[in-house]
Amino acid sequence: MARYTGPVCRLCRREGMKLYLKGERCYTDKCAIARRSYPPGQHGQERRKISEYALRLREKQKARRIYGVLERQFRSYFERAERQKGVTGENLLRLLERRLDNVVYRLGFAASRAEARQLVRHGHFQVNGRKVNIPSYLVRPGDEIEVRERSKESAKFKEIADQAAHRTPPAWLEADAANLKGRVLALPTRDQIDVPVQEHLIVELYSK
């Protein structure tokens, strides 16, 4: 499966803001944005006039990179959001938030979405008692997400349990850090999705 394998700090620099793609490192002085806030490349420090199209494109790229989704899959999410009732942009973000890898990250069971995706792929999580190793699996209200019993004994998940105890999940999720369990209480509303994305620009981009 195709995926980006380059330095993720480069992506943050390209978007000109922290996307929190490397977990704890993003909160330290080692963060690339803190040291070099301009875009990567030899022309990164040049001033450029940004067109309307470029502005919309950057918002789309930013959303893709935050959630770790490739273009084809992102377009599929947009088309699905467009068919749903309500505001298309909010529907899109709601679909992305419901991805299992994102929910694992939001519950505090991984330091980043990339780590959450890897843990899911390796079969460490189950939904409603059944093992799920598909990061794009969409959770629903009432679903219970839990680390599998065999995995709970590992040193990695004991460390995760300690870290998760100090993190607060969004209001649409409920976490039991001690037992490495979580529950989806409801679908997220726009004010509960704290990603720095102007979704209406993405809708304008795809609507052209």
N, C-alpha and C. Protein backbone atom coordinates (compact mmCIF):
# COMPACT_ATOMS: atom_id res chain seq x y z
N MET A 1 0.85 -1.20 0.00
CA MET A 1 0.00 0.00 0.00
C MET A 1 0.88 1.24 0.00
N ALA A 2 0.54 2.22 -0.83
CA ALA A 2 1.32 3.45 -0.92
C ALA A 2 1.16 4.27 0.36
N ARG A 3 2.25 4.87 0.80
CA ARG A 3 2.19 5.74 1.96
C ARG A 3 3.40 6.64 1.97
N TYR A 4 3.32 7.76 2.68
CA TYR A 4 4.44 8.69 2.77
C TYR A 4 5.45 8.14 3.76
N THR A 5 6.71 8.05 3.34
CA THR A 5 7.76 7.49 4.21
C THR A 5 8.87 8.50 4.49
N GLY A 6 8.68 9.74 4.05
CA GLY A 6 9.71 10.75 4.26
C GLY A 6 9.64 11.36 5.65
N PRO A 7 10.48 12.37 5.93
CA PRO A 7 10.48 13.03 7.24
C PRO A 7 9.19 13.82 7.46
N VAL A 8 8.45 13.50 8.53
CA VAL A 8 7.16 14.14 8.75
C VAL A 8 7.29 15.59 9.21
N CYS A 9 8.43 15.94 9.82
CA CYS A 9 8.62 17.34 10.23
C CYS A 9 8.63 18.26 9.01
N ARG A 10 9.01 17.72 7.88
CA ARG A 10 9.01 18.48 6.64
C ARG A 10 7.58 18.88 6.26
N LEU A 11 6.63 18.01 6.57
CA LEU A 11 5.23 18.29 6.26
C LEU A 11 4.71 19.46 7.10
N CYS A 12 5.09 19.47 8.38
CA CYS A 12 4.69 20.58 9.25
C CYS A 12 5.26 21.90 8.75
N ARG A 13 6.52 21.87 8.33
CA ARG A 13 7.15 23.09 7.83
C ARG A 13 6.48 23.57 6.55
N ARG A 14 6.06 22.62 5.73
CA ARG A 14 5.39 22.99 4.47
C ARG A 14 4.07 23.69 4.74
N GLU A 15 3.37 23.25 5.79
CA GLU A 15 2.08 23.86 6.11
C GLU A 15 2.23 25.07 7.02
N GLY A 16 3.43 25.29 7.53
CA GLY A 16 3.69 26.48 8.34
C GLY A 16 3.10 26.42 9.73
N MET A 17 2.84 25.23 10.23
CA MET A 17 2.27 25.09 11.57
C MET A 17 2.49 23.68 12.09
N LYS A 18 2.37 23.51 13.40
CA LYS A 18 2.52 22.19 14.00
C LYS A 18 1.30 21.33 13.67
N LEU A 19 1.56 20.16 13.10
CA LEU A 19 0.49 19.20 12.83
C LEU A 19 0.52 18.06 13.85
N TYR A 20 1.49 18.09 14.75
CA TYR A 20 1.63 17.10 15.83
C TYR A 20 1.68 15.67 15.27
N LEU A 21 2.60 15.49 14.32
CA LEU A 21 2.74 14.20 13.66
C LEU A 21 3.75 13.27 14.35
N LYS A 22 4.55 13.83 15.28
CA LYS A 22 5.57 13.02 15.94
C LYS A 22 5.36 12.89 17.45
N GLY A 23 4.16 13.13 17.90
CA GLY A 23 3.86 12.92 19.31
C GLY A 23 4.59 13.88 20.23
N GLU A 24 5.28 13.34 21.23
CA GLU A 24 5.91 14.15 22.28
C GLU A 24 6.96 15.11 21.74
N ARG A 25 7.65 14.75 20.68
CA ARG A 25 8.70 15.60 20.11
C ARG A 25 8.14 16.98 19.70
N CYS A 26 6.88 16.99 19.29
CA CYS A 26 6.25 18.24 18.83
C CYS A 26 6.10 19.26 19.95
N TYR A 27 6.17 18.80 21.20
CA TYR A 27 6.00 19.69 22.35
C TYR A 27 7.34 20.15 22.92
N THR A 28 8.44 19.77 22.28
CA THR A 28 9.77 20.13 22.77
C THR A 28 10.44 21.14 21.85
N ASP A 29 11.64 21.58 22.25
CA ASP A 29 12.42 22.52 21.45
C ASP A 29 12.99 21.87 20.19
N LYS A 30 12.89 20.55 20.09
CA LYS A 30 13.41 19.84 18.92
C LYS A 30 12.44 19.92 17.73
N CYS A 31 11.25 20.44 17.96
CA CYS A 31 10.26 20.56 16.90
C CYS A 31 10.82 21.40 15.75
N ALA A 32 10.67 20.93 14.53
CA ALA A 32 11.24 21.62 13.36
C ALA A 32 10.65 23.01 13.17
N ILE A 33 9.36 23.17 13.48
CA ILE A 33 8.71 24.48 13.33
C ILE A 33 9.32 25.50 14.28
N ALA A 34 9.71 25.06 15.47
CA ALA A 34 10.30 25.96 16.45
C ALA A 34 11.67 26.46 15.99
N ARG A 35 12.37 25.62 15.23
CA ARG A 35 13.72 25.98 14.78
C ARG A 35 13.73 26.64 13.40
N ARG A 36 12.88 26.12 12.50
CA ARG A 36 12.82 26.65 11.13
C ARG A 36 11.35 26.73 10.71
N SER A 37 10.77 27.88 10.86
CA SER A 37 9.33 28.03 10.62
C SER A 37 8.98 28.26 9.16
N TYR A 38 9.98 28.31 8.27
CA TYR A 38 9.73 28.53 6.85
C TYR A 38 9.63 27.19 6.11
N PRO A 39 9.00 27.17 4.92
CA PRO A 39 8.86 25.92 4.16
C PRO A 39 10.20 25.32 3.79
N PRO A 40 10.28 24.00 3.58
CA PRO A 40 11.53 23.35 3.22
C PRO A 40 11.92 23.66 1.78
N GLY A 41 13.17 23.39 1.45
CA GLY A 41 13.65 23.62 0.08
C GLY A 41 14.42 24.91 -0.05
N GLN A 42 15.13 25.06 -1.18
CA GLN A 42 16.01 26.21 -1.37
C GLN A 42 15.24 27.52 -1.55
N HIS A 43 13.96 27.43 -1.91
CA HIS A 43 13.16 28.64 -2.09
C HIS A 43 12.19 28.86 -0.92
N GLY A 44 12.41 28.13 0.14
CA GLY A 44 11.47 28.18 1.27
C GLY A 44 11.34 29.54 1.93
N GLN A 45 12.43 30.32 1.94
CA GLN A 45 12.40 31.61 2.65
C GLN A 45 11.97 32.77 1.75
N GLU A 46 11.65 32.48 0.49
CA GLU A 46 11.21 33.54 -0.41
C GLU A 46 9.75 33.90 -0.13
N ARG A 47 9.42 35.14 -0.31
CA ARG A 47 8.03 35.57 -0.14
C ARG A 47 7.27 35.33 -1.44
N ARG A 48 6.11 34.70 -1.30
CA ARG A 48 5.32 34.41 -2.49
C ARG A 48 3.88 34.86 -2.28
N LYS A 49 3.27 35.30 -3.36
CA LYS A 49 1.86 35.66 -3.31
C LYS A 49 1.04 34.37 -3.45
N ILE A 50 0.16 34.12 -2.49
CA ILE A 50 -0.63 32.89 -2.48
C ILE A 50 -1.96 33.11 -3.20
N SER A 51 -2.24 32.30 -4.21
CA SER A 51 -3.48 32.42 -4.96
C SER A 51 -4.63 31.79 -4.18
N GLU A 52 -5.86 32.03 -4.63
CA GLU A 52 -7.03 31.45 -3.99
C GLU A 52 -6.99 29.92 -4.08
N TYR A 53 -6.56 29.43 -5.23
CA TYR A 53 -6.46 27.98 -5.42
C TYR A 53 -5.44 27.37 -4.45
N ALA A 54 -4.29 28.03 -4.33
CA ALA A 54 -3.23 27.53 -3.44
C ALA A 54 -3.70 27.51 -1.99
N LEU A 55 -4.48 28.51 -1.61
CA LEU A 55 -5.01 28.59 -0.25
C LEU A 55 -5.92 27.39 0.04
N ARG A 56 -6.79 27.08 -0.92
CA ARG A 56 -7.69 25.93 -0.76
C ARG A 56 -6.93 24.62 -0.77
N LEU A 57 -5.95 24.53 -1.65
CA LEU A 57 -5.14 23.31 -1.74
C LEU A 57 -4.39 23.03 -0.45
N ARG A 58 -3.85 24.08 0.15
CA ARG A 58 -3.09 23.92 1.39
C ARG A 58 -3.99 23.40 2.51
N GLU A 59 -5.24 23.87 2.57
CA GLU A 59 -6.17 23.38 3.60
C GLU A 59 -6.45 21.89 3.42
N LYS A 60 -6.62 21.49 2.17
CA LYS A 60 -6.86 20.07 1.88
C LYS A 60 -5.65 19.23 2.25
N GLN A 61 -4.47 19.70 1.87
CA GLN A 61 -3.24 18.97 2.17
C GLN A 61 -3.01 18.89 3.68
N LYS A 62 -3.34 19.97 4.37
CA LYS A 62 -3.19 20.00 5.82
C LYS A 62 -4.07 18.94 6.48
N ALA A 63 -5.33 18.86 6.06
CA ALA A 63 -6.25 17.86 6.61
C ALA A 63 -5.78 16.45 6.31
N ARG A 64 -5.32 16.23 5.09
CA ARG A 64 -4.82 14.90 4.70
C ARG A 64 -3.64 14.48 5.57
N ARG A 65 -2.75 15.41 5.82
CA ARG A 65 -1.53 15.08 6.56
C ARG A 65 -1.81 14.89 8.04
N ILE A 66 -2.74 15.65 8.58
CA ILE A 66 -3.10 15.48 9.98
C ILE A 66 -3.62 14.07 10.24
N TYR A 67 -4.51 13.62 9.35
CA TYR A 67 -5.14 12.31 9.55
C TYR A 67 -4.39 11.16 8.86
N GLY A 68 -3.34 11.49 8.11
CA GLY A 68 -2.54 10.44 7.47
C GLY A 68 -3.29 9.70 6.37
N VAL A 69 -4.04 10.45 5.56
CA VAL A 69 -4.85 9.84 4.51
C VAL A 69 -4.31 10.24 3.14
N LEU A 70 -4.25 9.29 2.21
CA LEU A 70 -3.80 9.58 0.86
C LEU A 70 -4.91 10.24 0.05
N GLU A 71 -4.56 10.82 -1.08
CA GLU A 71 -5.50 11.62 -1.88
C GLU A 71 -6.74 10.84 -2.31
N ARG A 72 -6.55 9.64 -2.80
CA ARG A 72 -7.68 8.87 -3.31
C ARG A 72 -8.69 8.56 -2.20
N GLN A 73 -8.17 8.20 -1.04
CA GLN A 73 -9.04 7.89 0.08
C GLN A 73 -9.71 9.16 0.62
N PHE A 74 -8.97 10.26 0.62
CA PHE A 74 -9.53 11.53 1.09
C PHE A 74 -10.68 11.97 0.19
N ARG A 75 -10.49 11.81 -1.11
CA ARG A 75 -11.55 12.17 -2.07
C ARG A 75 -12.79 11.30 -1.84
N SER A 76 -12.56 10.03 -1.51
CA SER A 76 -13.67 9.12 -1.23
C SER A 76 -14.45 9.58 0.00
N TYR A 77 -13.72 10.04 1.02
CA TYR A 77 -14.39 10.57 2.22
C TYR A 77 -15.22 11.81 1.87
N PHE A 78 -14.68 12.66 1.01
CA PHE A 78 -15.40 13.88 0.62
C PHE A 78 -16.69 13.53 -0.11
N GLU A 79 -16.62 12.58 -1.04
CA GLU A 79 -17.80 12.20 -1.80
C GLU A 79 -18.87 11.59 -0.89
N ARG A 80 -18.41 10.84 0.10
CA ARG A 80 -19.35 10.26 1.07
C ARG A 80 -19.99 11.37 1.92
N ALA A 81 -19.17 12.34 2.34
CA ALA A 81 -19.67 13.46 3.14
C ALA A 81 -20.67 14.29 2.36
N GLU A 82 -20.43 14.40 1.05
CA GLU A 82 -21.31 15.20 0.19
C GLU A 82 -22.70 14.57 0.08
N ARG A 83 -22.74 13.23 0.16
CA ARG A 83 -24.02 12.52 0.03
C ARG A 83 -24.83 12.55 1.33
N GLN A 84 -24.17 12.84 2.44
CA GLN A 84 -24.85 12.85 3.73
C GLN A 84 -25.61 14.15 3.94
N LYS A 85 -26.59 14.13 4.81
CA LYS A 85 -27.34 15.33 5.16
C LYS A 85 -26.46 16.22 6.04
N GLY A 86 -26.68 17.52 5.95
CA GLY A 86 -25.92 18.44 6.78
C GLY A 86 -24.86 19.18 5.99
N VAL A 87 -23.93 19.81 6.71
CA VAL A 87 -22.86 20.60 6.10
C VAL A 87 -21.75 19.67 5.65
N THR A 88 -21.40 19.73 4.37
CA THR A 88 -20.43 18.80 3.80
C THR A 88 -19.08 18.84 4.51
N GLY A 89 -18.57 20.03 4.79
CA GLY A 89 -17.27 20.15 5.44
C GLY A 89 -17.26 19.52 6.82
N GLU A 90 -18.31 19.74 7.59
CA GLU A 90 -18.40 19.14 8.92
C GLU A 90 -18.56 17.63 8.83
N ASN A 91 -19.33 17.18 7.85
CA ASN A 91 -19.48 15.73 7.64
C ASN A 91 -18.14 15.08 7.33
N LEU A 92 -17.31 15.78 6.54
CA LEU A 92 -16.00 15.26 6.18
C LEU A 92 -15.11 15.10 7.41
N LEU A 93 -15.04 16.13 8.24
CA LEU A 93 -14.21 16.06 9.44
C LEU A 93 -14.74 15.00 10.41
N ARG A 94 -16.06 14.84 10.46
CA ARG A 94 -16.66 13.85 11.34
C ARG A 94 -16.28 12.43 10.90
N LEU A 95 -16.25 12.20 9.59
CA LEU A 95 -15.84 10.89 9.07
C LEU A 95 -14.38 10.61 9.41
N LEU A 96 -13.53 11.61 9.25
CA LEU A 96 -12.11 11.44 9.55
C LEU A 96 -11.88 11.19 11.04
N GLU A 97 -12.64 11.86 11.88
CA GLU A 97 -12.51 11.67 13.32
C GLU A 97 -12.94 10.28 13.75
N ARG A 98 -13.86 9.67 13.01
CA ARG A 98 -14.38 8.36 13.38
C ARG A 98 -13.45 7.21 12.99
N ARG A 99 -12.37 7.48 12.27
CA ARG A 99 -11.41 6.43 11.94
C ARG A 99 -10.85 5.81 13.22
N LEU A 100 -10.67 4.51 13.20
CA LEU A 100 -10.21 3.82 14.40
C LEU A 100 -8.85 4.31 14.86
N ASP A 101 -7.93 4.56 13.93
CA ASP A 101 -6.60 5.03 14.35
C ASP A 101 -6.70 6.39 15.03
N ASN A 102 -7.59 7.26 14.55
CA ASN A 102 -7.77 8.56 15.18
C ASN A 102 -8.40 8.42 16.57
N VAL A 103 -9.37 7.51 16.70
CA VAL A 103 -10.04 7.31 17.99
C VAL A 103 -9.05 6.77 19.02
N VAL A 104 -8.19 5.83 18.61
CA VAL A 104 -7.15 5.31 19.50
C VAL A 104 -6.25 6.44 19.97
N TYR A 105 -5.89 7.33 19.06
CA TYR A 105 -5.05 8.49 19.41
C TYR A 105 -5.80 9.43 20.36
N ARG A 106 -7.06 9.71 20.06
CA ARG A 106 -7.85 10.62 20.89
C ARG A 106 -8.06 10.07 22.30
N LEU A 107 -8.15 8.76 22.42
CA LEU A 107 -8.33 8.14 23.74
C LEU A 107 -7.05 8.20 24.57
N GLY A 108 -5.93 8.54 23.93
CA GLY A 108 -4.67 8.62 24.64
C GLY A 108 -3.87 7.33 24.62
N PHE A 109 -4.26 6.38 23.75
CA PHE A 109 -3.58 5.09 23.70
C PHE A 109 -2.43 5.06 22.70
N ALA A 110 -2.08 6.23 22.17
CA ALA A 110 -0.94 6.35 21.26
C ALA A 110 -0.48 7.80 21.29
N ALA A 111 0.81 8.02 21.06
CA ALA A 111 1.37 9.38 21.13
C ALA A 111 1.06 10.19 19.88
N SER A 112 0.77 9.51 18.78
CA SER A 112 0.45 10.19 17.52
C SER A 112 -0.48 9.31 16.71
N ARG A 113 -1.07 9.88 15.67
CA ARG A 113 -1.95 9.08 14.82
C ARG A 113 -1.16 8.03 14.05
N ALA A 114 0.08 8.34 13.71
CA ALA A 114 0.92 7.37 13.01
C ALA A 114 1.19 6.15 13.90
N GLU A 115 1.48 6.40 15.18
CA GLU A 115 1.70 5.29 16.11
C GLU A 115 0.41 4.50 16.31
N ALA A 116 -0.72 5.22 16.40
CA ALA A 116 -2.01 4.56 16.56
C ALA A 116 -2.30 3.66 15.37
N ARG A 117 -2.00 4.14 14.17
CA ARG A 117 -2.22 3.36 12.96
C ARG A 117 -1.40 2.08 12.97
N GLN A 118 -0.15 2.19 13.42
CA GLN A 118 0.72 1.02 13.48
C GLN A 118 0.22 0.00 14.51
N LEU A 119 -0.21 0.49 15.67
CA LEU A 119 -0.72 -0.40 16.71
C LEU A 119 -1.99 -1.13 16.25
N VAL A 120 -2.84 -0.40 15.54
CA VAL A 120 -4.07 -1.03 15.02
C VAL A 120 -3.72 -2.08 13.98
N ARG A 121 -2.81 -1.74 13.08
CA ARG A 121 -2.40 -2.68 12.02
C ARG A 121 -1.80 -3.96 12.60
N HIS A 122 -1.15 -3.84 13.73
CA HIS A 122 -0.52 -5.01 14.35
C HIS A 122 -1.49 -5.82 15.19
N GLY A 123 -2.75 -5.43 15.18
CA GLY A 123 -3.79 -6.24 15.82
C GLY A 123 -3.88 -6.13 17.33
N HIS A 124 -3.49 -4.98 17.88
CA HIS A 124 -3.51 -4.82 19.34
C HIS A 124 -4.87 -4.37 19.88
N PHE A 125 -5.80 -4.00 18.99
CA PHE A 125 -7.08 -3.46 19.45
C PHE A 125 -8.27 -4.30 18.99
N GLN A 126 -9.32 -4.22 19.77
CA GLN A 126 -10.56 -4.87 19.39
C GLN A 126 -11.72 -3.89 19.59
N VAL A 127 -12.74 -4.05 18.75
CA VAL A 127 -13.94 -3.22 18.82
C VAL A 127 -15.12 -4.13 19.12
N ASN A 128 -15.79 -3.85 20.21
CA ASN A 128 -16.92 -4.68 20.64
C ASN A 128 -16.54 -6.15 20.77
N GLY A 129 -15.32 -6.38 21.28
CA GLY A 129 -14.88 -7.75 21.54
C GLY A 129 -14.27 -8.47 20.36
N ARG A 130 -14.21 -7.83 19.19
CA ARG A 130 -13.65 -8.48 18.00
C ARG A 130 -12.40 -7.73 17.53
N LYS A 131 -11.36 -8.47 17.18
CA LYS A 131 -10.12 -7.84 16.73
C LYS A 131 -10.35 -7.10 15.42
N VAL A 132 -9.88 -5.86 15.39
CA VAL A 132 -9.96 -5.05 14.17
C VAL A 132 -8.57 -4.50 13.89
N ASN A 133 -8.04 -4.80 12.71
CA ASN A 133 -6.71 -4.31 12.35
C ASN A 133 -6.74 -3.40 11.13
N ILE A 134 -7.87 -2.73 10.94
CA ILE A 134 -8.05 -1.81 9.82
C ILE A 134 -8.11 -0.38 10.36
N PRO A 135 -7.06 0.43 10.15
CA PRO A 135 -7.03 1.79 10.71
C PRO A 135 -8.20 2.67 10.25
N SER A 136 -8.73 2.42 9.05
CA SER A 136 -9.81 3.26 8.52
C SER A 136 -11.20 2.80 8.97
N TYR A 137 -11.26 1.79 9.80
CA TYR A 137 -12.56 1.32 10.32
C TYR A 137 -13.27 2.48 11.00
N LEU A 138 -14.54 2.70 10.65
CA LEU A 138 -15.31 3.82 11.21
C LEU A 138 -16.12 3.36 12.42
N VAL A 139 -15.84 3.96 13.55
CA VAL A 139 -16.56 3.60 14.78
C VAL A 139 -17.92 4.28 14.80
N ARG A 140 -18.81 3.75 15.63
CA ARG A 140 -20.17 4.29 15.77
C ARG A 140 -20.46 4.53 17.25
N PRO A 141 -21.46 5.37 17.54
CA PRO A 141 -21.84 5.57 18.95
C PRO A 141 -22.19 4.24 19.62
N GLY A 142 -21.65 4.03 20.80
CA GLY A 142 -21.88 2.79 21.53
C GLY A 142 -20.77 1.78 21.38
N ASP A 143 -19.88 1.96 20.40
CA ASP A 143 -18.77 1.04 20.20
C ASP A 143 -17.79 1.12 21.36
N GLU A 144 -17.26 -0.04 21.75
CA GLU A 144 -16.25 -0.11 22.80
C GLU A 144 -14.91 -0.52 22.18
N ILE A 145 -13.90 0.29 22.42
CA ILE A 145 -12.56 0.03 21.90
C ILE A 145 -11.68 -0.38 23.07
N GLU A 146 -10.95 -1.46 22.91
CA GLU A 146 -10.15 -1.98 24.01
C GLU A 146 -8.87 -2.62 23.50
N VAL A 147 -7.80 -2.48 24.26
CA VAL A 147 -6.56 -3.18 23.94
C VAL A 147 -6.77 -4.66 24.26
N ARG A 148 -6.32 -5.53 23.38
CA ARG A 148 -6.51 -6.97 23.58
C ARG A 148 -5.76 -7.44 24.83
N GLU A 149 -6.30 -8.45 25.48
CA GLU A 149 -5.73 -8.93 26.74
C GLU A 149 -4.27 -9.31 26.61
N ARG A 150 -3.92 -9.96 25.51
CA ARG A 150 -2.52 -10.40 25.32
C ARG A 150 -1.58 -9.21 25.24
N SER A 151 -2.08 -8.10 24.71
CA SER A 151 -1.23 -6.92 24.52
C SER A 151 -1.08 -6.11 25.80
N LYS A 152 -2.07 -6.18 26.68
CA LYS A 152 -2.05 -5.37 27.90
C LYS A 152 -0.85 -5.68 28.79
N GLU A 153 -0.33 -6.89 28.69
CA GLU A 153 0.78 -7.30 29.56
C GLU A 153 2.13 -6.78 29.09
N SER A 154 2.18 -6.26 27.87
CA SER A 154 3.47 -5.80 27.33
C SER A 154 3.91 -4.50 28.01
N ALA A 155 5.20 -4.28 28.04
CA ALA A 155 5.76 -3.08 28.65
C ALA A 155 5.29 -1.82 27.93
N LYS A 156 5.11 -1.94 26.62
CA LYS A 156 4.67 -0.79 25.82
C LYS A 156 3.31 -0.29 26.28
N PHE A 157 2.36 -1.20 26.47
CA PHE A 157 1.01 -0.77 26.85
C PHE A 157 0.91 -0.41 28.32
N LYS A 158 1.79 -0.91 29.15
CA LYS A 158 1.83 -0.46 30.54
C LYS A 158 2.29 1.00 30.59
N GLU A 159 3.22 1.33 29.72
CA GLU A 159 3.69 2.71 29.63
C GLU A 159 2.58 3.61 29.07
N ILE A 160 1.86 3.09 28.07
CA ILE A 160 0.75 3.84 27.46
C ILE A 160 -0.34 4.11 28.49
N ALA A 161 -0.64 3.11 29.34
CA ALA A 161 -1.67 3.27 30.37
C ALA A 161 -1.31 4.40 31.33
N ASP A 162 -0.02 4.51 31.68
CA ASP A 162 0.43 5.58 32.58
C ASP A 162 0.28 6.95 31.91
N GLN A 163 0.62 7.01 30.62
CA GLN A 163 0.53 8.29 29.90
C GLN A 163 -0.92 8.69 29.66
N ALA A 164 -1.77 7.69 29.35
CA ALA A 164 -3.18 7.97 29.05
C ALA A 164 -3.92 8.52 30.26
N ALA A 165 -3.44 8.16 31.45
CA ALA A 165 -4.08 8.62 32.68
C ALA A 165 -4.00 10.15 32.82
N HIS A 166 -3.04 10.77 32.12
CA HIS A 166 -2.85 12.22 32.22
C HIS A 166 -3.44 12.96 31.03
N ARG A 167 -4.13 12.25 30.15
CA ARG A 167 -4.73 12.88 28.97
C ARG A 167 -6.26 12.86 29.07
N THR A 168 -6.88 13.91 28.59
CA THR A 168 -8.34 14.00 28.63
C THR A 168 -8.88 13.86 27.21
N PRO A 169 -9.69 12.85 26.95
CA PRO A 169 -10.25 12.67 25.61
C PRO A 169 -11.34 13.70 25.34
N PRO A 170 -11.69 13.93 24.07
CA PRO A 170 -12.79 14.85 23.77
C PRO A 170 -14.11 14.35 24.34
N ALA A 171 -15.09 15.23 24.43
CA ALA A 171 -16.35 14.91 25.11
C ALA A 171 -17.14 13.78 24.46
N TRP A 172 -16.90 13.51 23.18
CA TRP A 172 -17.66 12.46 22.51
C TRP A 172 -17.07 11.05 22.75
N LEU A 173 -15.97 11.01 23.51
CA LEU A 173 -15.33 9.74 23.87
C LEU A 173 -15.21 9.63 25.38
N GLU A 174 -15.17 8.39 25.84
CA GLU A 174 -14.98 8.11 27.26
C GLU A 174 -13.82 7.12 27.39
N ALA A 175 -12.86 7.44 28.22
CA ALA A 175 -11.67 6.60 28.34
C ALA A 175 -11.51 6.03 29.74
N ASP A 176 -11.09 4.78 29.80
CA ASP A 176 -10.73 4.12 31.05
C ASP A 176 -9.27 3.71 30.91
N ALA A 177 -8.39 4.66 31.26
CA ALA A 177 -6.96 4.47 31.04
C ALA A 177 -6.40 3.27 31.79
N ALA A 178 -6.87 3.05 33.01
CA ALA A 178 -6.36 1.95 33.83
C ALA A 178 -6.57 0.59 33.16
N ASN A 179 -7.70 0.44 32.50
CA ASN A 179 -8.03 -0.84 31.84
C ASN A 179 -7.84 -0.79 30.33
N LEU A 180 -7.29 0.33 29.85
CA LEU A 180 -7.04 0.51 28.41
C LEU A 180 -8.29 0.24 27.59
N LYS A 181 -9.38 0.88 28.01
CA LYS A 181 -10.66 0.75 27.32
C LYS A 181 -11.19 2.13 26.96
N GLY A 182 -12.03 2.17 25.97
CA GLY A 182 -12.67 3.43 25.59
C GLY A 182 -14.04 3.16 25.00
N ARG A 183 -14.87 4.18 24.98
CA ARG A 183 -16.23 4.04 24.46
C ARG A 183 -16.60 5.27 23.66
N VAL A 184 -17.30 5.05 22.55
CA VAL A 184 -17.78 6.16 21.73
C VAL A 184 -19.16 6.55 22.25
N LEU A 185 -19.27 7.75 22.81
CA LEU A 185 -20.53 8.20 23.40
C LEU A 185 -21.48 8.77 22.35
N ALA A 186 -20.93 9.45 21.36
CA ALA A 186 -21.75 10.09 20.33
C ALA A 186 -20.87 10.46 19.15
N LEU A 187 -21.48 10.91 18.06
CA LEU A 187 -20.71 11.42 16.94
C LEU A 187 -20.17 12.79 17.32
N PRO A 188 -18.95 13.12 16.91
CA PRO A 188 -18.37 14.42 17.30
C PRO A 188 -19.06 15.58 16.59
N THR A 189 -19.23 16.69 17.29
CA THR A 189 -19.73 17.91 16.69
C THR A 189 -18.53 18.76 16.27
N ARG A 190 -18.76 19.77 15.46
CA ARG A 190 -17.64 20.57 14.93
C ARG A 190 -16.84 21.23 16.05
N ASP A 191 -17.48 21.70 17.09
CA ASP A 191 -16.75 22.37 18.16
C ASP A 191 -15.93 21.39 19.01
N GLN A 192 -16.16 20.09 18.83
CA GLN A 192 -15.38 19.08 19.56
C GLN A 192 -14.21 18.56 18.73
N ILE A 193 -14.09 19.03 17.49
CA ILE A 193 -12.99 18.62 16.61
C ILE A 193 -11.98 19.75 16.56
N ASP A 194 -10.85 19.58 17.23
CA ASP A 194 -9.91 20.69 17.40
C ASP A 194 -8.79 20.73 16.37
N VAL A 195 -9.06 20.31 15.14
CA VAL A 195 -8.04 20.38 14.10
C VAL A 195 -8.06 21.77 13.46
N PRO A 196 -6.88 22.35 13.19
CA PRO A 196 -6.82 23.71 12.63
C PRO A 196 -7.07 23.75 11.13
N VAL A 197 -8.27 23.35 10.72
CA VAL A 197 -8.60 23.26 9.30
C VAL A 197 -9.86 24.07 9.02
N GLN A 198 -9.84 24.84 7.94
CA GLN A 198 -11.02 25.55 7.47
C GLN A 198 -11.69 24.68 6.41
N GLU A 199 -12.60 23.85 6.85
CA GLU A 199 -13.16 22.83 5.96
C GLU A 199 -13.93 23.40 4.78
N HIS A 200 -14.44 24.62 4.90
CA HIS A 200 -15.19 25.19 3.76
C HIS A 200 -14.29 25.43 2.56
N LEU A 201 -12.99 25.64 2.80
CA LEU A 201 -12.04 25.82 1.69
C LEU A 201 -11.83 24.51 0.95
N ILE A 202 -11.88 23.39 1.69
CA ILE A 202 -11.74 22.07 1.04
C ILE A 202 -12.96 21.81 0.16
N VAL A 203 -14.13 22.17 0.65
CA VAL A 203 -15.36 21.99 -0.12
C VAL A 203 -15.30 22.84 -1.39
N GLU A 204 -14.82 24.08 -1.27
CA GLU A 204 -14.69 24.95 -2.44
C GLU A 204 -13.71 24.38 -3.46
N LEU A 205 -12.62 23.77 -2.97
CA LEU A 205 -11.62 23.18 -3.86
C LEU A 205 -12.22 22.05 -4.69
N TYR A 206 -12.92 21.15 -4.03
CA TYR A 206 -13.47 19.99 -4.73
C TYR A 206 -14.73 20.34 -5.53
N SER A 207 -15.33 21.47 -5.24
CA SER A 207 -16.57 21.85 -5.93
C SER A 207 -16.31 22.57 -7.25
N LYS A 208 -15.05 22.91 -7.51
CA LYS A 208 -14.72 23.62 -8.76
C LYS A 208 -14.85 22.71 -9.98
